[in-house]
Amino acid sequence: MSSRVYMLLDIKESKYEYALQVLEKIGGVILTDTLEGHPNVMVVVEAPDRQRLVELIMPVLGSVDHVTEDVHLLVSQGDRPSVRFLDPVATGSREESTVY
């Protein structure tokens, strides 16, 4: 099982592309996405355990600190073996797909 943190960042206007380019190069970052409104960027960091997750969070925050106005950290419980996605758009029904 792995530990994950969902980071919601409020990036300064016109710095989205820069922030995404920097964040995607950092070890442990498994997803970046832009959001409508504020916060406007989501980053998911994953590590094999909580200790390593803590070690990975600081470089992520430090890399975009000068363009970030606000940060929210949502830490997963880490006791589930996978992430489950429900895909109503592709199939027209709520089929569940699991990522390992």
N, C-alpha and C. Protein backbone atom coordinates (compact mmCIF):
# COMPACT_ATOMS: atom_id res chain seq x y z
N MET A 1 0.83 -1.18 0.00
CA MET A 1 0.00 0.00 0.00
C MET A 1 0.88 1.24 0.00
N SER A 2 0.37 2.28 -0.58
CA SER A 2 1.13 3.51 -0.66
C SER A 2 0.39 4.63 0.06
N SER A 3 1.12 5.70 0.32
CA SER A 3 0.55 6.89 0.93
C SER A 3 0.50 7.98 -0.13
N ARG A 4 -0.56 8.76 -0.10
CA ARG A 4 -0.75 9.83 -1.07
C ARG A 4 -1.13 11.12 -0.38
N VAL A 5 -0.72 12.23 -1.00
CA VAL A 5 -1.22 13.53 -0.58
C VAL A 5 -1.72 14.25 -1.82
N TYR A 6 -2.90 14.82 -1.68
CA TYR A 6 -3.49 15.64 -2.72
C TYR A 6 -3.22 17.08 -2.33
N MET A 7 -2.49 17.78 -3.18
CA MET A 7 -2.11 19.15 -2.87
C MET A 7 -2.92 20.09 -3.77
N LEU A 8 -3.66 20.98 -3.15
CA LEU A 8 -4.43 21.98 -3.88
C LEU A 8 -3.68 23.30 -3.75
N LEU A 9 -3.20 23.81 -4.87
CA LEU A 9 -2.36 25.00 -4.87
C LEU A 9 -3.08 26.15 -5.56
N ASP A 10 -2.93 27.32 -5.01
CA ASP A 10 -3.44 28.53 -5.66
C ASP A 10 -2.24 29.23 -6.27
N ILE A 11 -2.04 29.01 -7.56
CA ILE A 11 -0.89 29.54 -8.28
C ILE A 11 -1.22 30.93 -8.82
N LYS A 12 -0.28 31.83 -8.74
CA LYS A 12 -0.47 33.19 -9.26
C LYS A 12 -0.84 33.14 -10.74
N GLU A 13 -1.68 34.09 -11.14
CA GLU A 13 -2.11 34.19 -12.53
C GLU A 13 -0.92 34.19 -13.48
N SER A 14 -1.08 33.58 -14.60
CA SER A 14 -0.10 33.47 -15.69
C SER A 14 1.12 32.61 -15.33
N LYS A 15 1.10 31.91 -14.21
CA LYS A 15 2.22 31.05 -13.82
C LYS A 15 1.86 29.57 -13.87
N TYR A 16 0.68 29.23 -14.40
CA TYR A 16 0.24 27.84 -14.45
C TYR A 16 1.22 26.95 -15.19
N GLU A 17 1.55 27.33 -16.41
CA GLU A 17 2.42 26.50 -17.24
C GLU A 17 3.78 26.28 -16.58
N TYR A 18 4.34 27.34 -16.03
CA TYR A 18 5.62 27.23 -15.33
C TYR A 18 5.49 26.24 -14.17
N ALA A 19 4.46 26.42 -13.35
CA ALA A 19 4.27 25.55 -12.18
C ALA A 19 4.11 24.09 -12.60
N LEU A 20 3.29 23.82 -13.61
CA LEU A 20 3.08 22.45 -14.05
C LEU A 20 4.36 21.83 -14.59
N GLN A 21 5.13 22.58 -15.35
CA GLN A 21 6.40 22.06 -15.88
C GLN A 21 7.36 21.69 -14.75
N VAL A 22 7.45 22.54 -13.75
CA VAL A 22 8.34 22.29 -12.61
C VAL A 22 7.86 21.08 -11.81
N LEU A 23 6.57 21.05 -11.51
CA LEU A 23 6.01 20.00 -10.66
C LEU A 23 6.11 18.62 -11.31
N GLU A 24 5.92 18.55 -12.62
CA GLU A 24 5.94 17.25 -13.30
C GLU A 24 7.32 16.61 -13.31
N LYS A 25 8.36 17.36 -13.02
CA LYS A 25 9.73 16.83 -13.01
C LYS A 25 10.16 16.32 -11.64
N ILE A 26 9.34 16.51 -10.63
CA ILE A 26 9.71 16.15 -9.27
C ILE A 26 9.33 14.70 -8.97
N GLY A 27 10.25 13.97 -8.39
CA GLY A 27 10.01 12.58 -8.02
C GLY A 27 8.84 12.45 -7.06
N GLY A 28 8.01 11.46 -7.27
CA GLY A 28 6.86 11.21 -6.41
C GLY A 28 5.58 11.85 -6.92
N VAL A 29 5.68 12.84 -7.81
CA VAL A 29 4.50 13.48 -8.37
C VAL A 29 3.92 12.54 -9.42
N ILE A 30 2.67 12.10 -9.21
CA ILE A 30 2.05 11.17 -10.15
C ILE A 30 0.94 11.82 -10.98
N LEU A 31 0.52 13.03 -10.60
CA LEU A 31 -0.54 13.70 -11.34
C LEU A 31 -0.47 15.19 -11.10
N THR A 32 -0.64 15.96 -12.16
CA THR A 32 -0.85 17.41 -12.04
C THR A 32 -2.05 17.75 -12.90
N ASP A 33 -2.83 18.74 -12.48
CA ASP A 33 -3.99 19.15 -13.26
C ASP A 33 -4.35 20.58 -12.88
N THR A 34 -4.92 21.30 -13.84
CA THR A 34 -5.42 22.64 -13.54
C THR A 34 -6.89 22.55 -13.20
N LEU A 35 -7.32 23.43 -12.33
CA LEU A 35 -8.70 23.47 -11.86
C LEU A 35 -9.32 24.82 -12.16
N GLU A 36 -10.63 24.87 -12.27
CA GLU A 36 -11.32 26.14 -12.42
C GLU A 36 -11.48 26.77 -11.06
N GLY A 37 -11.32 28.08 -10.98
CA GLY A 37 -11.47 28.79 -9.72
C GLY A 37 -10.23 28.66 -8.86
N HIS A 38 -10.43 28.79 -7.56
CA HIS A 38 -9.30 28.74 -6.62
C HIS A 38 -9.59 27.68 -5.56
N PRO A 39 -8.64 26.83 -5.24
CA PRO A 39 -7.30 26.67 -5.77
C PRO A 39 -7.36 26.28 -7.25
N ASN A 40 -6.28 26.54 -7.98
CA ASN A 40 -6.31 26.35 -9.42
C ASN A 40 -5.38 25.26 -9.97
N VAL A 41 -4.62 24.62 -9.11
CA VAL A 41 -3.76 23.51 -9.54
C VAL A 41 -3.85 22.38 -8.51
N MET A 42 -3.96 21.13 -8.99
CA MET A 42 -3.95 19.97 -8.11
C MET A 42 -2.72 19.13 -8.44
N VAL A 43 -2.05 18.67 -7.39
CA VAL A 43 -0.87 17.81 -7.54
C VAL A 43 -1.09 16.61 -6.62
N VAL A 44 -0.82 15.43 -7.14
CA VAL A 44 -0.89 14.22 -6.31
C VAL A 44 0.52 13.66 -6.19
N VAL A 45 0.94 13.47 -4.94
CA VAL A 45 2.26 12.91 -4.64
C VAL A 45 2.04 11.57 -3.97
N GLU A 46 2.80 10.57 -4.40
CA GLU A 46 2.65 9.22 -3.85
C GLU A 46 4.01 8.68 -3.42
N ALA A 47 4.00 7.95 -2.31
CA ALA A 47 5.22 7.34 -1.78
C ALA A 47 4.86 6.00 -1.14
N PRO A 48 5.85 5.14 -0.96
CA PRO A 48 5.56 3.82 -0.39
C PRO A 48 5.13 3.84 1.08
N ASP A 49 5.48 4.91 1.80
CA ASP A 49 5.09 5.01 3.21
C ASP A 49 5.01 6.48 3.62
N ARG A 50 4.47 6.72 4.82
CA ARG A 50 4.27 8.10 5.30
C ARG A 50 5.58 8.87 5.44
N GLN A 51 6.62 8.23 5.93
CA GLN A 51 7.90 8.91 6.12
C GLN A 51 8.43 9.43 4.79
N ARG A 52 8.41 8.59 3.77
CA ARG A 52 8.89 9.01 2.45
C ARG A 52 7.99 10.09 1.86
N LEU A 53 6.69 10.01 2.12
CA LEU A 53 5.76 11.02 1.65
C LEU A 53 6.11 12.39 2.22
N VAL A 54 6.41 12.43 3.50
CA VAL A 54 6.81 13.68 4.14
C VAL A 54 8.07 14.24 3.48
N GLU A 55 9.01 13.37 3.18
CA GLU A 55 10.25 13.79 2.53
C GLU A 55 10.01 14.35 1.13
N LEU A 56 9.00 13.86 0.44
CA LEU A 56 8.71 14.30 -0.93
C LEU A 56 7.90 15.60 -0.98
N ILE A 57 7.11 15.87 0.04
CA ILE A 57 6.25 17.04 0.03
C ILE A 57 7.05 18.35 0.02
N MET A 58 8.09 18.43 0.80
CA MET A 58 8.85 19.68 0.91
C MET A 58 9.46 20.14 -0.41
N PRO A 59 10.11 19.27 -1.19
CA PRO A 59 10.62 19.73 -2.49
C PRO A 59 9.50 20.20 -3.43
N VAL A 60 8.34 19.57 -3.35
CA VAL A 60 7.22 19.99 -4.19
C VAL A 60 6.81 21.41 -3.81
N LEU A 61 6.61 21.64 -2.54
CA LEU A 61 6.21 22.98 -2.08
C LEU A 61 7.31 24.01 -2.36
N GLY A 62 8.54 23.64 -2.12
CA GLY A 62 9.64 24.57 -2.33
C GLY A 62 9.82 24.95 -3.79
N SER A 63 9.50 24.06 -4.69
CA SER A 63 9.73 24.32 -6.11
C SER A 63 8.79 25.38 -6.69
N VAL A 64 7.63 25.57 -6.07
CA VAL A 64 6.68 26.55 -6.59
C VAL A 64 6.29 27.59 -5.53
N ASP A 65 7.05 27.66 -4.46
CA ASP A 65 6.73 28.57 -3.37
C ASP A 65 6.60 30.02 -3.83
N HIS A 66 7.46 30.45 -4.72
CA HIS A 66 7.46 31.85 -5.15
C HIS A 66 6.30 32.20 -6.09
N VAL A 67 5.56 31.22 -6.58
CA VAL A 67 4.40 31.49 -7.42
C VAL A 67 3.09 30.98 -6.79
N THR A 68 3.17 30.52 -5.55
CA THR A 68 2.01 29.96 -4.86
C THR A 68 1.47 30.94 -3.83
N GLU A 69 0.15 31.16 -3.86
CA GLU A 69 -0.48 32.06 -2.90
C GLU A 69 -1.14 31.32 -1.74
N ASP A 70 -1.53 30.06 -1.95
CA ASP A 70 -2.19 29.30 -0.89
C ASP A 70 -2.01 27.81 -1.17
N VAL A 71 -2.01 27.00 -0.10
CA VAL A 71 -1.80 25.55 -0.22
C VAL A 71 -2.77 24.83 0.71
N HIS A 72 -3.36 23.76 0.21
CA HIS A 72 -4.17 22.85 1.03
C HIS A 72 -3.63 21.45 0.82
N LEU A 73 -3.37 20.72 1.89
CA LEU A 73 -2.88 19.35 1.80
C LEU A 73 -3.96 18.40 2.29
N LEU A 74 -4.29 17.42 1.48
CA LEU A 74 -5.26 16.39 1.83
C LEU A 74 -4.53 15.06 1.80
N VAL A 75 -4.29 14.48 2.97
CA VAL A 75 -3.50 13.25 3.06
C VAL A 75 -4.44 12.05 3.08
N SER A 76 -4.15 11.08 2.21
CA SER A 76 -4.98 9.87 2.17
C SER A 76 -4.73 9.03 3.41
N GLN A 77 -5.67 8.15 3.70
CA GLN A 77 -5.52 7.27 4.85
C GLN A 77 -4.44 6.24 4.63
N GLY A 78 -4.17 5.90 3.41
CA GLY A 78 -3.08 4.98 3.10
C GLY A 78 -3.35 3.53 3.41
N ASP A 79 -4.58 3.19 3.78
CA ASP A 79 -4.87 1.80 4.12
C ASP A 79 -5.63 1.09 3.00
N ARG A 80 -5.74 1.74 1.85
CA ARG A 80 -6.40 1.12 0.71
C ARG A 80 -5.34 0.81 -0.35
N PRO A 81 -5.42 -0.35 -0.97
CA PRO A 81 -4.37 -0.77 -1.90
C PRO A 81 -4.41 -0.11 -3.27
N SER A 82 -5.47 0.63 -3.61
CA SER A 82 -5.56 1.18 -4.95
C SER A 82 -6.45 2.41 -4.97
N VAL A 83 -6.44 3.07 -6.10
CA VAL A 83 -7.33 4.21 -6.35
C VAL A 83 -8.42 3.70 -7.27
N ARG A 84 -9.66 4.03 -6.98
CA ARG A 84 -10.77 3.58 -7.82
C ARG A 84 -11.37 4.78 -8.54
N PHE A 85 -11.55 4.65 -9.84
CA PHE A 85 -12.16 5.70 -10.64
C PHE A 85 -13.51 5.20 -11.14
N LEU A 86 -14.51 6.05 -11.07
CA LEU A 86 -15.81 5.74 -11.65
C LEU A 86 -15.88 6.49 -12.97
N ASP A 87 -16.27 5.82 -14.04
CA ASP A 87 -16.21 6.42 -15.37
C ASP A 87 -17.60 6.45 -16.02
N PRO A 88 -18.46 7.41 -15.63
CA PRO A 88 -19.78 7.48 -16.23
C PRO A 88 -19.77 8.05 -17.64
N VAL A 89 -18.77 8.82 -18.02
CA VAL A 89 -18.73 9.47 -19.33
C VAL A 89 -18.45 8.46 -20.44
N ALA A 90 -17.44 7.65 -20.26
CA ALA A 90 -17.01 6.74 -21.32
C ALA A 90 -18.02 5.63 -21.60
N THR A 91 -18.71 5.17 -20.59
CA THR A 91 -19.57 4.00 -20.77
C THR A 91 -21.06 4.31 -20.64
N GLY A 92 -21.41 5.47 -20.12
CA GLY A 92 -22.81 5.78 -19.91
C GLY A 92 -23.35 5.18 -18.62
N SER A 93 -22.54 4.41 -17.92
CA SER A 93 -22.94 3.85 -16.63
C SER A 93 -21.79 4.06 -15.66
N ARG A 94 -22.02 3.81 -14.41
CA ARG A 94 -21.00 4.03 -13.39
C ARG A 94 -20.20 2.76 -13.17
N GLU A 95 -19.41 2.39 -14.16
CA GLU A 95 -18.51 1.25 -14.02
C GLU A 95 -17.29 1.67 -13.26
N GLU A 96 -16.81 0.80 -12.44
CA GLU A 96 -15.64 1.10 -11.64
C GLU A 96 -14.39 0.51 -12.27
N SER A 97 -13.35 1.31 -12.35
CA SER A 97 -12.07 0.78 -12.81
C SER A 97 -11.05 1.01 -11.70
N THR A 98 -10.16 0.07 -11.51
CA THR A 98 -9.20 0.14 -10.43
C THR A 98 -7.80 0.28 -11.01
N VAL A 99 -7.01 1.17 -10.42
CA VAL A 99 -5.62 1.38 -10.82
C VAL A 99 -4.74 0.80 -9.74
N TYR A 100 -3.81 -0.06 -10.10
CA TYR A 100 -2.90 -0.67 -9.12
C TYR A 100 -1.54 -0.08 -9.22
